[in-house]
């Protein structure tokens, strides 16, 4: 590996370490999860609503209620 490539890789490594250290030290990221909890995944609820809506539309279609 050439000297300049090794130099760049090493400094990218140091920058990555520094970013990780700063992220772990920032209080705002810790406080968000303490106050609000972890992010909620609503995808299951959305899928259930869509399935229910599809069933309603099929029933209405079978009964001839759609315009």
PDB file of N, CA and C in Angstrom:
ATOM      1  N   UNK A   1       0.854  -1.168   0.000  1.00  0.00           N
ATOM      2  CA  UNK A   1       0.000   0.000   0.000  1.00  0.00           C
ATOM      3  C   UNK A   1       0.901   1.233   0.000  1.00  0.00           C
ATOM      4  N   UNK A   2       0.564   2.159  -0.838  1.00  0.00           N
ATOM      5  CA  UNK A   2       1.393   3.362  -0.906  1.00  0.00           C
ATOM      6  C   UNK A   2       1.254   4.179   0.374  1.00  0.00           C
ATOM      7  N   UNK A   3       2.231   5.031   0.566  1.00  0.00           N
ATOM      8  CA  UNK A   3       2.263   5.815   1.789  1.00  0.00           C
ATOM      9  C   UNK A   3       1.072   6.757   1.906  1.00  0.00           C
ATOM     10  N   UNK A   4       0.703   7.393   0.817  1.00  0.00           N
ATOM     11  CA  UNK A   4      -0.405   8.354   0.875  1.00  0.00           C
ATOM     12  C   UNK A   4      -1.736   7.638   1.121  1.00  0.00           C
ATOM     13  N   UNK A   5      -1.898   6.451   0.540  1.00  0.00           N
ATOM     14  CA  UNK A   5      -3.139   5.700   0.772  1.00  0.00           C
ATOM     15  C   UNK A   5      -3.231   5.269   2.233  1.00  0.00           C
ATOM     16  N   UNK A   6      -2.138   4.802   2.789  1.00  0.00           N
ATOM     17  CA  UNK A   6      -2.122   4.406   4.193  1.00  0.00           C
ATOM     18  C   UNK A   6      -2.408   5.618   5.086  1.00  0.00           C
ATOM     19  N   UNK A   7      -1.833   6.751   4.726  1.00  0.00           N
ATOM     20  CA  UNK A   7      -2.062   7.980   5.475  1.00  0.00           C
ATOM     21  C   UNK A   7      -3.543   8.352   5.467  1.00  0.00           C
ATOM     22  N   UNK A   8      -4.187   8.289   4.289  1.00  0.00           N
ATOM     23  CA  UNK A   8      -5.604   8.627   4.170  1.00  0.00           C
ATOM     24  C   UNK A   8      -6.473   7.652   4.953  1.00  0.00           C
ATOM     25  N   UNK A   9      -6.166   6.366   4.853  1.00  0.00           N
ATOM     26  CA  UNK A   9      -6.949   5.364   5.583  1.00  0.00           C
ATOM     27  C   UNK A   9      -6.850   5.581   7.087  1.00  0.00           C
ATOM     28  N   UNK A  10      -5.637   5.892   7.552  1.00  0.00           N
ATOM     29  CA  UNK A  10      -5.440   6.107   8.978  1.00  0.00           C
ATOM     30  C   UNK A  10      -6.228   7.313   9.460  1.00  0.00           C
ATOM     31  N   UNK A  11      -6.212   8.383   8.681  1.00  0.00           N
ATOM     32  CA  UNK A  11      -6.935   9.577   9.100  1.00  0.00           C
ATOM     33  C   UNK A  11      -8.444   9.402   9.000  1.00  0.00           C
ATOM     34  N   UNK A  12      -8.918   8.620   8.044  1.00  0.00           N
ATOM     35  CA  UNK A  12     -10.348   8.286   8.016  1.00  0.00           C
ATOM     36  C   UNK A  12     -10.727   7.482   9.257  1.00  0.00           C
ATOM     37  N   UNK A  13      -9.838   6.552   9.650  1.00  0.00           N
ATOM     38  CA  UNK A  13     -10.062   5.757  10.855  1.00  0.00           C
ATOM     39  C   UNK A  13     -10.137   6.656  12.087  1.00  0.00           C
ATOM     40  N   UNK A  14      -9.201   7.604  12.200  1.00  0.00           N
ATOM     41  CA  UNK A  14      -9.218   8.523  13.343  1.00  0.00           C
ATOM     42  C   UNK A  14     -10.480   9.384  13.345  1.00  0.00           C
ATOM     43  N   UNK A  15     -10.894   9.858  12.176  1.00  0.00           N
ATOM     44  CA  UNK A  15     -12.106  10.681  12.091  1.00  0.00           C
ATOM     45  C   UNK A  15     -13.327   9.873  12.508  1.00  0.00           C
ATOM     46  N   UNK A  16     -13.383   8.607  12.095  1.00  0.00           N
ATOM     47  CA  UNK A  16     -14.502   7.738  12.480  1.00  0.00           C
ATOM     48  C   UNK A  16     -14.539   7.546  13.998  1.00  0.00           C
ATOM     49  N   UNK A  17     -13.371   7.325  14.589  1.00  0.00           N
ATOM     50  CA  UNK A  17     -13.308   7.179  16.050  1.00  0.00           C
ATOM     51  C   UNK A  17     -13.777   8.450  16.743  1.00  0.00           C
ATOM     52  N   UNK A  18     -13.348   9.589  16.234  1.00  0.00           N
ATOM     53  CA  UNK A  18     -13.732  10.864  16.837  1.00  0.00           C
ATOM     54  C   UNK A  18     -15.238  11.078  16.743  1.00  0.00           C
ATOM     55  N   UNK A  19     -15.827  10.785  15.577  1.00  0.00           N
ATOM     56  CA  UNK A  19     -17.285  10.922  15.423  1.00  0.00           C
ATOM     57  C   UNK A  19     -18.032  10.029  16.390  1.00  0.00           C
ATOM     58  N   UNK A  20     -17.580   8.791  16.529  1.00  0.00           N
ATOM     59  CA  UNK A  20     -18.243   7.874  17.458  1.00  0.00           C
ATOM     60  C   UNK A  20     -18.162   8.384  18.887  1.00  0.00           C
ATOM     61  N   UNK A  21     -17.004   8.905  19.246  1.00  0.00           N
ATOM     62  CA  UNK A  21     -16.843   9.458  20.593  1.00  0.00           C
ATOM     63  C   UNK A  21     -17.748  10.643  20.835  1.00  0.00           C
ATOM     64  N   UNK A  22     -17.846  11.521  19.829  1.00  0.00           N
ATOM     65  CA  UNK A  22     -18.712  12.688  19.980  1.00  0.00           C
ATOM     66  C   UNK A  22     -20.182  12.292  20.062  1.00  0.00           C
ATOM     67  N   UNK A  23     -20.585  11.328  19.241  1.00  0.00           N
ATOM     68  CA  UNK A  23     -21.982  10.885  19.280  1.00  0.00           C
ATOM     69  C   UNK A  23     -22.337  10.304  20.637  1.00  0.00           C
ATOM     70  N   UNK A  24     -21.415   9.548  21.225  1.00  0.00           N
ATOM     71  CA  UNK A  24     -21.718   8.943  22.522  1.00  0.00           C
ATOM     72  C   UNK A  24     -21.727   9.986  23.635  1.00  0.00           C
ATOM     73  N   UNK A  25     -21.017  11.106  23.434  1.00  0.00           N
ATOM     74  CA  UNK A  25     -20.936  12.135  24.463  1.00  0.00           C
ATOM     75  C   UNK A  25     -22.057  13.163  24.375  1.00  0.00           C
ATOM     76  N   UNK A  26     -22.726  13.254  23.218  1.00  0.00           N
ATOM     77  CA  UNK A  26     -23.769  14.264  23.064  1.00  0.00           C
ATOM     78  C   UNK A  26     -24.990  13.915  23.907  1.00  0.00           C
ATOM     79  N   UNK A  27     -25.420  14.809  24.772  1.00  0.00           N
ATOM     80  CA  UNK A  27     -26.559  14.500  25.636  1.00  0.00           C
ATOM     81  C   UNK A  27     -27.888  14.474  24.895  1.00  0.00           C
ATOM     82  N   UNK A  28     -28.004  15.207  23.790  1.00  0.00           N
ATOM     83  CA  UNK A  28     -29.301  15.299  23.118  1.00  0.00           C
ATOM     84  C   UNK A  28     -29.762  13.956  22.594  1.00  0.00           C
ATOM     85  N   UNK A  29     -28.867  13.105  22.107  1.00  0.00           N
ATOM     86  CA  UNK A  29     -29.272  11.807  21.597  1.00  0.00           C
ATOM     87  C   UNK A  29     -29.735  10.887  22.720  1.00  0.00           C
ATOM     88  N   UNK A  30     -29.082  10.973  23.855  1.00  0.00           N
ATOM     89  CA  UNK A  30     -29.490  10.160  25.001  1.00  0.00           C
ATOM     90  C   UNK A  30     -30.836  10.632  25.544  1.00  0.00           C
ATOM     91  N   UNK A  31     -31.021  11.951  25.601  1.00  0.00           N
ATOM     92  CA  UNK A  31     -32.235  12.498  26.179  1.00  0.00           C
ATOM     93  C   UNK A  31     -33.451  12.202  25.315  1.00  0.00           C
ATOM     94  N   UNK A  32     -33.304  12.188  24.009  1.00  0.00           N
ATOM     95  CA  UNK A  32     -34.443  11.895  23.137  1.00  0.00           C
ATOM     96  C   UNK A  32     -35.050  10.548  23.478  1.00  0.00           C
ATOM     97  N   UNK A  33     -34.227   9.537  23.656  1.00  0.00           N
ATOM     98  CA  UNK A  33     -34.737   8.210  23.949  1.00  0.00           C
ATOM     99  C   UNK A  33     -35.271   8.115  25.375  1.00  0.00           C
ATOM    100  N   UNK A  34     -34.696   8.871  26.302  1.00  0.00           N
ATOM    101  CA  UNK A  34     -35.189   8.846  27.676  1.00  0.00           C
ATOM    102  C   UNK A  34     -36.592   9.449  27.746  1.00  0.00           C
ATOM    103  N   UNK A  35     -36.814  10.556  27.050  1.00  0.00           N
ATOM    104  CA  UNK A  35     -38.105  11.227  27.119  1.00  0.00           C
ATOM    105  C   UNK A  35     -39.162  10.569  26.254  1.00  0.00           C
ATOM    106  N   UNK A  36     -38.786  10.175  25.064  1.00  0.00           N
ATOM    107  CA  UNK A  36     -39.770   9.715  24.103  1.00  0.00           C
ATOM    108  C   UNK A  36     -39.762   8.217  23.873  1.00  0.00           C
ATOM    109  N   UNK A  37     -38.766   7.509  24.345  1.00  0.00           N
ATOM    110  CA  UNK A  37     -38.660   6.085  24.079  1.00  0.00           C
ATOM    111  C   UNK A  37     -38.122   5.842  22.683  1.00  0.00           C
ATOM    112  N   UNK A  38     -38.002   4.601  22.333  1.00  0.00           N
ATOM    113  CA  UNK A  38     -37.471   4.281  21.014  1.00  0.00           C
ATOM    114  C   UNK A  38     -38.528   4.556  19.946  1.00  0.00           C
ATOM    115  N   UNK A  39     -38.103   4.767  18.705  1.00  0.00           N
ATOM    116  CA  UNK A  39     -39.071   5.027  17.629  1.00  0.00           C
ATOM    117  C   UNK A  39     -40.059   3.875  17.471  1.00  0.00           C
ATOM    118  N   UNK A  40     -41.298   4.214  17.187  1.00  0.00           N
ATOM    119  CA  UNK A  40     -42.355   3.206  17.070  1.00  0.00           C
ATOM    120  C   UNK A  40     -42.545   2.851  15.610  1.00  0.00           C
ATOM    121  N   UNK A  41     -42.671   1.568  15.343  1.00  0.00           N
ATOM    122  CA  UNK A  41     -42.877   1.089  13.982  1.00  0.00           C
ATOM    123  C   UNK A  41     -44.375   0.899  13.774  1.00  0.00           C
ATOM    124  N   UNK A  42     -44.975   1.729  12.931  1.00  0.00           N
ATOM    125  CA  UNK A  42     -46.412   1.688  12.680  1.00  0.00           C
ATOM    126  C   UNK A  42     -46.763   0.878  11.442  1.00  0.00           C
ATOM    127  N   UNK A  43     -45.793   0.230  10.832  1.00  0.00           N
ATOM    128  CA  UNK A  43     -46.051  -0.447   9.563  1.00  0.00           C
ATOM    129  C   UNK A  43     -47.061  -1.591   9.720  1.00  0.00           C
ATOM    130  N   UNK A  44     -47.041  -2.292  10.847  1.00  0.00           N
ATOM    131  CA  UNK A  44     -47.984  -3.398  11.055  1.00  0.00           C
ATOM    132  C   UNK A  44     -49.420  -2.866  11.102  1.00  0.00           C
ATOM    133  N   UNK A  45     -49.633  -1.753  11.806  1.00  0.00           N
ATOM    134  CA  UNK A  45     -50.967  -1.156  11.876  1.00  0.00           C
ATOM    135  C   UNK A  45     -51.455  -0.697  10.508  1.00  0.00           C
ATOM    136  N   UNK A  46     -50.555  -0.090   9.735  1.00  0.00           N
ATOM    137  CA  UNK A  46     -50.928   0.388   8.401  1.00  0.00           C
ATOM    138  C   UNK A  46     -51.327  -0.778   7.513  1.00  0.00           C
ATOM    139  N   UNK A  47     -50.544  -1.862   7.562  1.00  0.00           N
ATOM    140  CA  UNK A  47     -50.865  -3.034   6.752  1.00  0.00           C
ATOM    141  C   UNK A  47     -52.206  -3.642   7.163  1.00  0.00           C
ATOM    142  N   UNK A  48     -52.480  -3.704   8.455  1.00  0.00           N
ATOM    143  CA  UNK A  48     -53.759  -4.249   8.918  1.00  0.00           C
ATOM    144  C   UNK A  48     -54.935  -3.398   8.440  1.00  0.00           C
ATOM    145  N   UNK A  49     -54.772  -2.068   8.482  1.00  0.00           N
ATOM    146  CA  UNK A  49     -55.836  -1.187   7.990  1.00  0.00           C
ATOM    147  C   UNK A  49     -56.077  -1.378   6.498  1.00  0.00           C
ATOM    148  N   UNK A  50     -54.980  -1.518   5.744  1.00  0.00           N
ATOM    149  CA  UNK A  50     -55.124  -1.718   4.297  1.00  0.00           C
ATOM    150  C   UNK A  50     -55.811  -3.042   3.993  1.00  0.00           C
ATOM    151  N   UNK A  51     -55.463  -4.083   4.730  1.00  0.00           N
ATOM    152  CA  UNK A  51     -56.103  -5.382   4.510  1.00  0.00           C
ATOM    153  C   UNK A  51     -57.593  -5.304   4.823  1.00  0.00           C
ATOM    154  N   UNK A  52     -57.922  -4.629   5.922  1.00  0.00           N
ATOM    155  CA  UNK A  52     -59.330  -4.464   6.281  1.00  0.00           C
ATOM    156  C   UNK A  52     -60.090  -3.682   5.224  1.00  0.00           C
ATOM    157  N   UNK A  53     -59.454  -2.647   4.684  1.00  0.00           N
ATOM    158  CA  UNK A  53     -60.095  -1.838   3.644  1.00  0.00           C
ATOM    159  C   UNK A  53     -60.306  -2.662   2.377  1.00  0.00           C
ATOM    160  N   UNK A  54     -59.322  -3.505   2.032  1.00  0.00           N
ATOM    161  CA  UNK A  54     -59.465  -4.353   0.854  1.00  0.00           C
ATOM    162  C   UNK A  54     -60.626  -5.327   1.017  1.00  0.00           C
ATOM    163  N   UNK A  55     -60.785  -5.874   2.208  1.00  0.00           N
ATOM    164  CA  UNK A  55     -61.885  -6.803   2.465  1.00  0.00           C
ATOM    165  C   UNK A  55     -63.219  -6.084   2.336  1.00  0.00           C
ATOM    166  N   UNK A  56     -63.292  -4.859   2.890  1.00  0.00           N
ATOM    167  CA  UNK A  56     -64.520  -4.075   2.766  1.00  0.00           C
ATOM    168  C   UNK A  56     -64.866  -3.822   1.300  1.00  0.00           C
ATOM    169  N   UNK A  57     -63.875  -3.437   0.517  1.00  0.00           N
ATOM    170  CA  UNK A  57     -64.116  -3.159  -0.899  1.00  0.00           C
ATOM    171  C   UNK A  57     -64.561  -4.404  -1.650  1.00  0.00           C
ATOM    172  N   UNK A  58     -63.979  -5.550  -1.327  1.00  0.00           N
ATOM    173  CA  UNK A  58     -64.382  -6.797  -1.976  1.00  0.00           C
ATOM    174  C   UNK A  58     -65.818  -7.158  -1.621  1.00  0.00           C
ATOM    175  N   UNK A  59     -66.186  -6.978  -0.343  1.00  0.00           N
ATOM    176  CA  UNK A  59     -67.559  -7.275   0.072  1.00  0.00           C
ATOM    177  C   UNK A  59     -68.549  -6.335  -0.619  1.00  0.00           C
ATOM    178  N   UNK A  60     -68.193  -5.071  -0.703  1.00  0.00           N
ATOM    179  CA  UNK A  60     -69.073  -4.114  -1.363  1.00  0.00           C
ATOM    180  C   UNK A  60     -69.201  -4.448  -2.844  1.00  0.00           C
ATOM    181  N   UNK A  61     -68.109  -4.878  -3.452  1.00  0.00           N
ATOM    182  CA  UNK A  61     -68.127  -5.256  -4.858  1.00  0.00           C
ATOM    183  C   UNK A  61     -69.023  -6.471  -5.084  1.00  0.00           C
ATOM    184  N   UNK A  62     -68.901  -7.460  -4.177  1.00  0.00           N
ATOM    185  CA  UNK A  62     -69.719  -8.670  -4.293  1.00  0.00           C
ATOM    186  C   UNK A  62     -71.201  -8.372  -4.120  1.00  0.00           C
ATOM    187  N   UNK A  63     -71.526  -7.419  -3.253  1.00  0.00           N
ATOM    188  CA  UNK A  63     -72.920  -7.084  -3.016  1.00  0.00           C
ATOM    189  C   UNK A  63     -73.452  -6.080  -4.040  1.00  0.00           C
ATOM    190  N   UNK A  64     -72.588  -5.546  -4.849  1.00  0.00           N
ATOM    191  CA  UNK A  64     -73.005  -4.591  -5.872  1.00  0.00           C
ATOM    192  C   UNK A  64     -73.288  -3.219  -5.308  1.00  0.00           C
ATOM    193  N   UNK A  65     -72.622  -2.858  -4.216  1.00  0.00           N
ATOM    194  CA  UNK A  65     -72.871  -1.573  -3.590  1.00  0.00           C
ATOM    195  C   UNK A  65     -72.004  -0.470  -4.142  1.00  0.00           C
ATOM    196  N   UNK A  66     -71.018  -0.795  -4.958  1.00  0.00           N
ATOM    197  CA  UNK A  66     -70.159   0.282  -5.484  1.00  0.00           C
ATOM    198  C   UNK A  66     -70.831   0.899  -6.691  1.00  0.00           C
ATOM    199  N   UNK A  67     -70.573   2.181  -6.875  1.00  0.00           N
ATOM    200  CA  UNK A  67     -71.229   2.944  -7.915  1.00  0.00           C
ATOM    201  C   UNK A  67     -70.604   2.746  -9.212  1.00  0.00           C
TER     202      UNK A  67
END
